[in-house]
Amino acid sequence: MNNSPIQELFLLETLETIFDASIYLYLIDGKKLFFKTNKDGGYTETGYKLEFNSEINKKSIYNFIKGYFTYSIKWYGLPRFNSPGYLNQEDFESIILEVNKEIKDLKKEGLKTANHFTDFLESQSLDPRPLGDSKYSWQANCPFSGGSHFMMISTETNTFGCGWCKKKGDQKALKDYLTKKMILCKLF
């Protein structure tokens, strides 16, 4: 068993989620991204699966963190800068500007993939909109939850999926569900 000490590189502290939780980002052993919610706490993996495989320098760390924010923004929202580490506030603000531009550009591309499925979702008042991950990634209000959260939509395969409700399918499956729901509402 390897008992060598963990090599950590503190990258920066951000404030994330609606609760402004302090997130301290670390590169551990020069490979994986971890976070702590306080300086003295334990490490937690970020869920960002990409490993860092470059020489540690400003440009490579910048691009690695940019990739992480691009990945995490859809789950945690836009982070805010709190304190510097290897990256400073200027680096952070530049990363966020680039990430926002890429998302905006992908949403614009996504609008070009609107089709009969997004038209159907719109006709059901489910508010379909491009997500900004890829040109085919959309989201819409989830009808299985009464619209309390969103479901993912693919305009490439014309399918939907809701991880919370554990539902997925195509336009026909969604139409069948909504038709049954409407019939039941009329009965009661």
C-alpha atoms as a PDB file:
ATOM      1  CA  MET A   1       0.000   0.000   0.000  1.00  0.00           C
ATOM      2  CA  ASN A   2       1.258   3.453  -0.894  1.00  0.00           C
ATOM      3  CA  ASN A   3       1.608   5.573   2.259  1.00  0.00           C
ATOM      4  CA  SER A   4       3.038   8.627   0.545  1.00  0.00           C
ATOM      5  CA  PRO A   5       1.356  11.895   1.509  1.00  0.00           C
ATOM      6  CA  ILE A   6      -1.361  13.305  -0.706  1.00  0.00           C
ATOM      7  CA  GLN A   7      -0.109  16.044  -2.983  1.00  0.00           C
ATOM      8  CA  GLU A   8      -2.676  18.805  -3.121  1.00  0.00           C
ATOM      9  CA  LEU A   9      -2.772  21.970  -5.157  1.00  0.00           C
ATOM     10  CA  PHE A  10      -5.362  24.486  -3.959  1.00  0.00           C
ATOM     11  CA  LEU A  11      -6.878  26.010  -7.104  1.00  0.00           C
ATOM     12  CA  LEU A  12      -9.473  28.520  -5.828  1.00  0.00           C
ATOM     13  CA  GLU A  13     -12.498  28.982  -3.611  1.00  0.00           C
ATOM     14  CA  THR A  14     -15.903  29.625  -5.113  1.00  0.00           C
ATOM     15  CA  LEU A  15     -19.378  30.200  -3.758  1.00  0.00           C
ATOM     16  CA  GLU A  16     -21.876  27.804  -5.292  1.00  0.00           C
ATOM     17  CA  THR A  17     -25.556  26.914  -5.263  1.00  0.00           C
ATOM     18  CA  ILE A  18     -28.334  29.123  -4.003  1.00  0.00           C
ATOM     19  CA  PHE A  19     -26.872  28.701  -0.512  1.00  0.00           C
ATOM     20  CA  ASP A  20     -23.507  30.296  -1.393  1.00  0.00           C
ATOM     21  CA  ALA A  21     -21.683  27.218  -0.140  1.00  0.00           C
ATOM     22  CA  SER A  22     -17.916  27.689   0.004  1.00  0.00           C
ATOM     23  CA  ILE A  23     -16.254  25.230  -2.334  1.00  0.00           C
ATOM     24  CA  TYR A  24     -12.476  24.811  -2.165  1.00  0.00           C
ATOM     25  CA  LEU A  25     -11.224  23.153  -5.357  1.00  0.00           C
ATOM     26  CA  TYR A  26      -8.069  21.023  -5.245  1.00  0.00           C
ATOM     27  CA  LEU A  27      -6.051  19.079  -7.771  1.00  0.00           C
ATOM     28  CA  ILE A  28      -4.983  15.921  -5.926  1.00  0.00           C
ATOM     29  CA  ASP A  29      -1.859  13.997  -6.852  1.00  0.00           C
ATOM     30  CA  GLY A  30      -1.717  16.001 -10.067  1.00  0.00           C
ATOM     31  CA  LYS A  31      -4.674  14.114 -11.578  1.00  0.00           C
ATOM     32  CA  LYS A  32      -8.191  14.382 -10.110  1.00  0.00           C
ATOM     33  CA  LEU A  33     -10.350  17.297  -9.055  1.00  0.00           C
ATOM     34  CA  PHE A  34     -11.694  17.241  -5.500  1.00  0.00           C
ATOM     35  CA  PHE A  35     -13.418  19.787  -3.297  1.00  0.00           C
ATOM     36  CA  LYS A  36     -13.797  20.586   0.363  1.00  0.00           C
ATOM     37  CA  THR A  37     -16.616  22.564   1.916  1.00  0.00           C
ATOM     38  CA  ASN A  38     -14.240  23.912   4.539  1.00  0.00           C
ATOM     39  CA  LYS A  39     -10.463  24.083   4.680  1.00  0.00           C
ATOM     40  CA  ASP A  40     -10.219  21.477   7.448  1.00  0.00           C
ATOM     41  CA  GLY A  41     -12.754  19.031   5.998  1.00  0.00           C
ATOM     42  CA  GLY A  42     -12.176  15.910   3.996  1.00  0.00           C
ATOM     43  CA  TYR A  43     -11.914  15.688   0.226  1.00  0.00           C
ATOM     44  CA  THR A  44     -14.913  14.820  -1.929  1.00  0.00           C
ATOM     45  CA  GLU A  45     -14.647  13.880  -5.597  1.00  0.00           C
ATOM     46  CA  THR A  46     -16.318  16.429  -7.843  1.00  0.00           C
ATOM     47  CA  GLY A  47     -17.903  13.910 -10.200  1.00  0.00           C
ATOM     48  CA  TYR A  48     -15.935  15.462 -13.045  1.00  0.00           C
ATOM     49  CA  LYS A  49     -14.552  12.332 -14.683  1.00  0.00           C
ATOM     50  CA  LEU A  50     -11.823  13.924 -16.761  1.00  0.00           C
ATOM     51  CA  GLU A  51      -8.385  13.438 -15.260  1.00  0.00           C
ATOM     52  CA  PHE A  52      -5.695  16.053 -15.489  1.00  0.00           C
ATOM     53  CA  ASN A  53      -2.915  14.655 -17.692  1.00  0.00           C
ATOM     54  CA  SER A  54      -0.786  17.691 -18.464  1.00  0.00           C
ATOM     55  CA  GLU A  55       2.129  19.550 -17.065  1.00  0.00           C
ATOM     56  CA  ILE A  56       0.925  21.795 -14.268  1.00  0.00           C
ATOM     57  CA  ASN A  57       0.984  25.349 -15.545  1.00  0.00           C
ATOM     58  CA  LYS A  58      -1.451  28.250 -15.626  1.00  0.00           C
ATOM     59  CA  LYS A  59      -2.839  27.438 -19.096  1.00  0.00           C
ATOM     60  CA  SER A  60      -3.423  23.735 -18.414  1.00  0.00           C
ATOM     61  CA  ILE A  61      -5.054  24.347 -15.014  1.00  0.00           C
ATOM     62  CA  TYR A  62      -7.146  27.153 -16.533  1.00  0.00           C
ATOM     63  CA  ASN A  63      -8.460  24.810 -19.262  1.00  0.00           C
ATOM     64  CA  PHE A  64      -9.056  21.981 -16.774  1.00  0.00           C
ATOM     65  CA  ILE A  65     -11.122  24.215 -14.476  1.00  0.00           C
ATOM     66  CA  LYS A  66     -12.949  25.658 -17.484  1.00  0.00           C
ATOM     67  CA  GLY A  67     -13.954  22.091 -18.407  1.00  0.00           C
ATOM     68  CA  TYR A  68     -15.126  21.444 -14.867  1.00  0.00           C
ATOM     69  CA  PHE A  69     -17.256  24.608 -14.738  1.00  0.00           C
ATOM     70  CA  THR A  70     -18.739  23.768 -18.147  1.00  0.00           C
ATOM     71  CA  TYR A  71     -19.682  20.357 -16.704  1.00  0.00           C
ATOM     72  CA  SER A  72     -20.912  21.533 -13.283  1.00  0.00           C
ATOM     73  CA  ILE A  73     -22.814  24.703 -14.193  1.00  0.00           C
ATOM     74  CA  LYS A  74     -25.917  22.761 -15.226  1.00  0.00           C
ATOM     75  CA  TRP A  75     -26.144  21.126 -11.777  1.00  0.00           C
ATOM     76  CA  TYR A  76     -24.923  23.840  -9.435  1.00  0.00           C
ATOM     77  CA  GLY A  77     -25.468  27.030 -11.382  1.00  0.00           C
ATOM     78  CA  LEU A  78     -22.934  29.739 -11.995  1.00  0.00           C
ATOM     79  CA  PRO A  79     -20.208  29.792  -9.328  1.00  0.00           C
ATOM     80  CA  ARG A  80     -18.947  33.051  -7.892  1.00  0.00           C
ATOM     81  CA  PHE A  81     -15.360  33.844  -6.996  1.00  0.00           C
ATOM     82  CA  ASN A  82     -14.493  33.934  -3.303  1.00  0.00           C
ATOM     83  CA  SER A  83     -10.707  33.622  -2.876  1.00  0.00           C
ATOM     84  CA  PRO A  84      -7.629  32.890  -5.002  1.00  0.00           C
ATOM     85  CA  GLY A  85      -5.423  29.848  -5.039  1.00  0.00           C
ATOM     86  CA  TYR A  86      -3.399  28.787  -8.067  1.00  0.00           C
ATOM     87  CA  LEU A  87      -5.995  30.693 -10.117  1.00  0.00           C
ATOM     88  CA  ASN A  88      -6.893  34.282  -9.263  1.00  0.00           C
ATOM     89  CA  GLN A  89     -10.072  36.325  -9.700  1.00  0.00           C
ATOM     90  CA  GLU A  90      -9.047  37.515 -13.167  1.00  0.00           C
ATOM     91  CA  ASP A  91      -8.548  33.895 -14.281  1.00  0.00           C
ATOM     92  CA  PHE A  92     -11.912  32.928 -12.796  1.00  0.00           C
ATOM     93  CA  GLU A  93     -13.787  35.776 -14.472  1.00  0.00           C
ATOM     94  CA  SER A  94     -12.174  34.968 -17.809  1.00  0.00           C
ATOM     95  CA  ILE A  95     -13.149  31.295 -17.461  1.00  0.00           C
ATOM     96  CA  ILE A  96     -16.769  32.205 -16.629  1.00  0.00           C
ATOM     97  CA  LEU A  97     -16.976  34.570 -19.614  1.00  0.00           C
ATOM     98  CA  GLU A  98     -15.733  31.816 -21.939  1.00  0.00           C
ATOM     99  CA  VAL A  99     -18.070  29.201 -20.444  1.00  0.00           C
ATOM    100  CA  ASN A 100     -21.065  31.535 -20.744  1.00  0.00           C
ATOM    101  CA  LYS A 101     -20.193  32.341 -24.367  1.00  0.00           C
ATOM    102  CA  GLU A 102     -19.888  28.641 -25.252  1.00  0.00           C
ATOM    103  CA  ILE A 103     -23.235  27.866 -23.591  1.00  0.00           C
ATOM    104  CA  LYS A 104     -24.901  30.808 -25.351  1.00  0.00           C
ATOM    105  CA  ASP A 105     -23.482  29.669 -28.709  1.00  0.00           C
ATOM    106  CA  LEU A 106     -24.625  26.078 -28.139  1.00  0.00           C
ATOM    107  CA  LYS A 107     -28.112  27.250 -27.152  1.00  0.00           C
ATOM    108  CA  LYS A 108     -28.276  29.244 -30.389  1.00  0.00           C
ATOM    109  CA  GLU A 109     -27.215  26.131 -32.333  1.00  0.00           C
ATOM    110  CA  GLY A 110     -29.769  24.128 -30.344  1.00  0.00           C
ATOM    111  CA  LEU A 111     -32.603  26.366 -31.500  1.00  0.00           C
ATOM    112  CA  LYS A 112     -31.810  25.234 -35.059  1.00  0.00           C
ATOM    113  CA  THR A 113     -32.567  21.628 -34.041  1.00  0.00           C
ATOM    114  CA  ALA A 114     -36.145  22.396 -32.962  1.00  0.00           C
ATOM    115  CA  ASN A 115     -38.487  19.894 -34.578  1.00  0.00           C
ATOM    116  CA  HIS A 116     -41.862  18.133 -34.275  1.00  0.00           C
ATOM    117  CA  PHE A 117     -40.894  16.846 -30.809  1.00  0.00           C
ATOM    118  CA  THR A 118     -40.096  20.306 -29.418  1.00  0.00           C
ATOM    119  CA  ASP A 119     -43.281  21.597 -31.093  1.00  0.00           C
ATOM    120  CA  PHE A 120     -45.250  18.870 -29.293  1.00  0.00           C
ATOM    121  CA  LEU A 121     -43.618  19.758 -25.958  1.00  0.00           C
ATOM    122  CA  GLU A 122     -44.460  23.410 -26.542  1.00  0.00           C
ATOM    123  CA  SER A 123     -48.079  22.514 -27.360  1.00  0.00           C
ATOM    124  CA  GLN A 124     -48.253  20.784 -23.963  1.00  0.00           C
ATOM    125  CA  SER A 125     -46.901  23.911 -22.186  1.00  0.00           C
ATOM    126  CA  LEU A 126     -43.728  22.087 -21.113  1.00  0.00           C
ATOM    127  CA  ASP A 127     -41.452  24.992 -22.118  1.00  0.00           C
ATOM    128  CA  PRO A 128     -38.736  23.172 -24.085  1.00  0.00           C
ATOM    129  CA  ARG A 129     -35.429  25.052 -24.330  1.00  0.00           C
ATOM    130  CA  PRO A 130     -31.886  24.283 -25.435  1.00  0.00           C
ATOM    131  CA  LEU A 131     -29.623  23.390 -22.536  1.00  0.00           C
ATOM    132  CA  GLY A 132     -26.288  24.519 -23.948  1.00  0.00           C
ATOM    133  CA  ASP A 133     -24.443  21.189 -23.552  1.00  0.00           C
ATOM    134  CA  SER A 134     -24.653  20.249 -27.193  1.00  0.00           C
ATOM    135  CA  LYS A 135     -26.860  21.408 -30.018  1.00  0.00           C
ATOM    136  CA  TYR A 136     -29.207  18.450 -29.438  1.00  0.00           C
ATOM    137  CA  SER A 137     -29.502  18.756 -25.634  1.00  0.00           C
ATOM    138  CA  TRP A 138     -32.684  20.411 -24.448  1.00  0.00           C
ATOM    139  CA  GLN A 139     -34.698  20.443 -21.269  1.00  0.00           C
ATOM    140  CA  ALA A 140     -38.405  20.855 -20.579  1.00  0.00           C
ATOM    141  CA  ASN A 141     -40.643  20.967 -17.547  1.00  0.00           C
ATOM    142  CA  CYS A 142     -41.274  17.430 -16.362  1.00  0.00           C
ATOM    143  CA  PRO A 143     -44.956  16.473 -16.656  1.00  0.00           C
ATOM    144  CA  PHE A 144     -44.441  13.459 -14.369  1.00  0.00           C
ATOM    145  CA  SER A 145     -43.677  15.824 -11.471  1.00  0.00           C
ATOM    146  CA  GLY A 146     -46.241  18.453 -12.385  1.00  0.00           C
ATOM    147  CA  GLY A 147     -43.439  20.662 -13.694  1.00  0.00           C
ATOM    148  CA  SER A 148     -41.575  20.911 -10.368  1.00  0.00           C
ATOM    149  CA  HIS A 149     -38.298  20.072 -12.094  1.00  0.00           C
ATOM    150  CA  PHE A 150     -37.056  19.510 -15.622  1.00  0.00           C
ATOM    151  CA  MET A 151     -36.455  16.506 -17.822  1.00  0.00           C
ATOM    152  CA  MET A 152     -33.789  16.106 -20.459  1.00  0.00           C
ATOM    153  CA  ILE A 153     -34.688  16.115 -24.145  1.00  0.00           C
ATOM    154  CA  SER A 154     -32.705  14.976 -27.179  1.00  0.00           C
ATOM    155  CA  THR A 155     -33.726  16.540 -30.474  1.00  0.00           C
ATOM    156  CA  GLU A 156     -31.362  14.134 -32.205  1.00  0.00           C
ATOM    157  CA  THR A 157     -33.238  11.004 -31.080  1.00  0.00           C
ATOM    158  CA  ASN A 158     -36.546  12.698 -30.139  1.00  0.00           C
ATOM    159  CA  THR A 159     -36.464  11.160 -26.686  1.00  0.00           C
ATOM    160  CA  PHE A 160     -36.885  12.381 -23.112  1.00  0.00           C
ATOM    161  CA  GLY A 161     -35.611  11.251 -19.745  1.00  0.00           C
ATOM    162  CA  CYS A 162     -36.207  12.321 -16.162  1.00  0.00           C
ATOM    163  CA  GLY A 163     -33.680  11.022 -13.657  1.00  0.00           C
ATOM    164  CA  TRP A 164     -35.778  12.105 -10.674  1.00  0.00           C
ATOM    165  CA  CYS A 165     -38.964  10.400 -11.840  1.00  0.00           C
ATOM    166  CA  LYS A 166     -37.132   7.477 -13.477  1.00  0.00           C
ATOM    167  CA  LYS A 167     -39.100   7.951 -16.692  1.00  0.00           C
ATOM    168  CA  LYS A 168     -37.839   7.911 -20.268  1.00  0.00           C
ATOM    169  CA  GLY A 169     -39.164   7.316 -23.734  1.00  0.00           C
ATOM    170  CA  ASP A 170     -40.062   8.850 -27.039  1.00  0.00           C
ATOM    171  CA  GLN A 171     -42.768  11.264 -28.178  1.00  0.00           C
ATOM    172  CA  LYS A 172     -45.376   8.506 -28.420  1.00  0.00           C
ATOM    173  CA  ALA A 173     -44.740   7.362 -24.828  1.00  0.00           C
ATOM    174  CA  LEU A 174     -45.036  10.946 -23.582  1.00  0.00           C
ATOM    175  CA  LYS A 175     -48.193  11.565 -25.597  1.00  0.00           C
ATOM    176  CA  ASP A 176     -49.732   8.347 -24.228  1.00  0.00           C
ATOM    177  CA  TYR A 177     -48.933   9.404 -20.657  1.00  0.00           C
ATOM    178  CA  LEU A 178     -50.359  12.898 -21.130  1.00  0.00           C
ATOM    179  CA  THR A 179     -53.499  11.517 -22.776  1.00  0.00           C
ATOM    180  CA  LYS A 180     -54.070   9.102 -19.856  1.00  0.00           C
ATOM    181  CA  LYS A 181     -53.450  11.905 -17.376  1.00  0.00           C
ATOM    182  CA  MET A 182     -55.975  14.152 -19.154  1.00  0.00           C
ATOM    183  CA  ILE A 183     -58.592  11.355 -19.178  1.00  0.00           C
ATOM    184  CA  LEU A 184     -58.082  10.712 -15.452  1.00  0.00           C
ATOM    185  CA  CYS A 185     -58.388  14.435 -14.693  1.00  0.00           C
ATOM    186  CA  LYS A 186     -61.722  14.550 -16.525  1.00  0.00           C
ATOM    187  CA  LEU A 187     -62.996  11.548 -14.561  1.00  0.00           C
ATOM    188  CA  PHE A 188     -62.210  13.079 -11.200  1.00  0.00           C
END
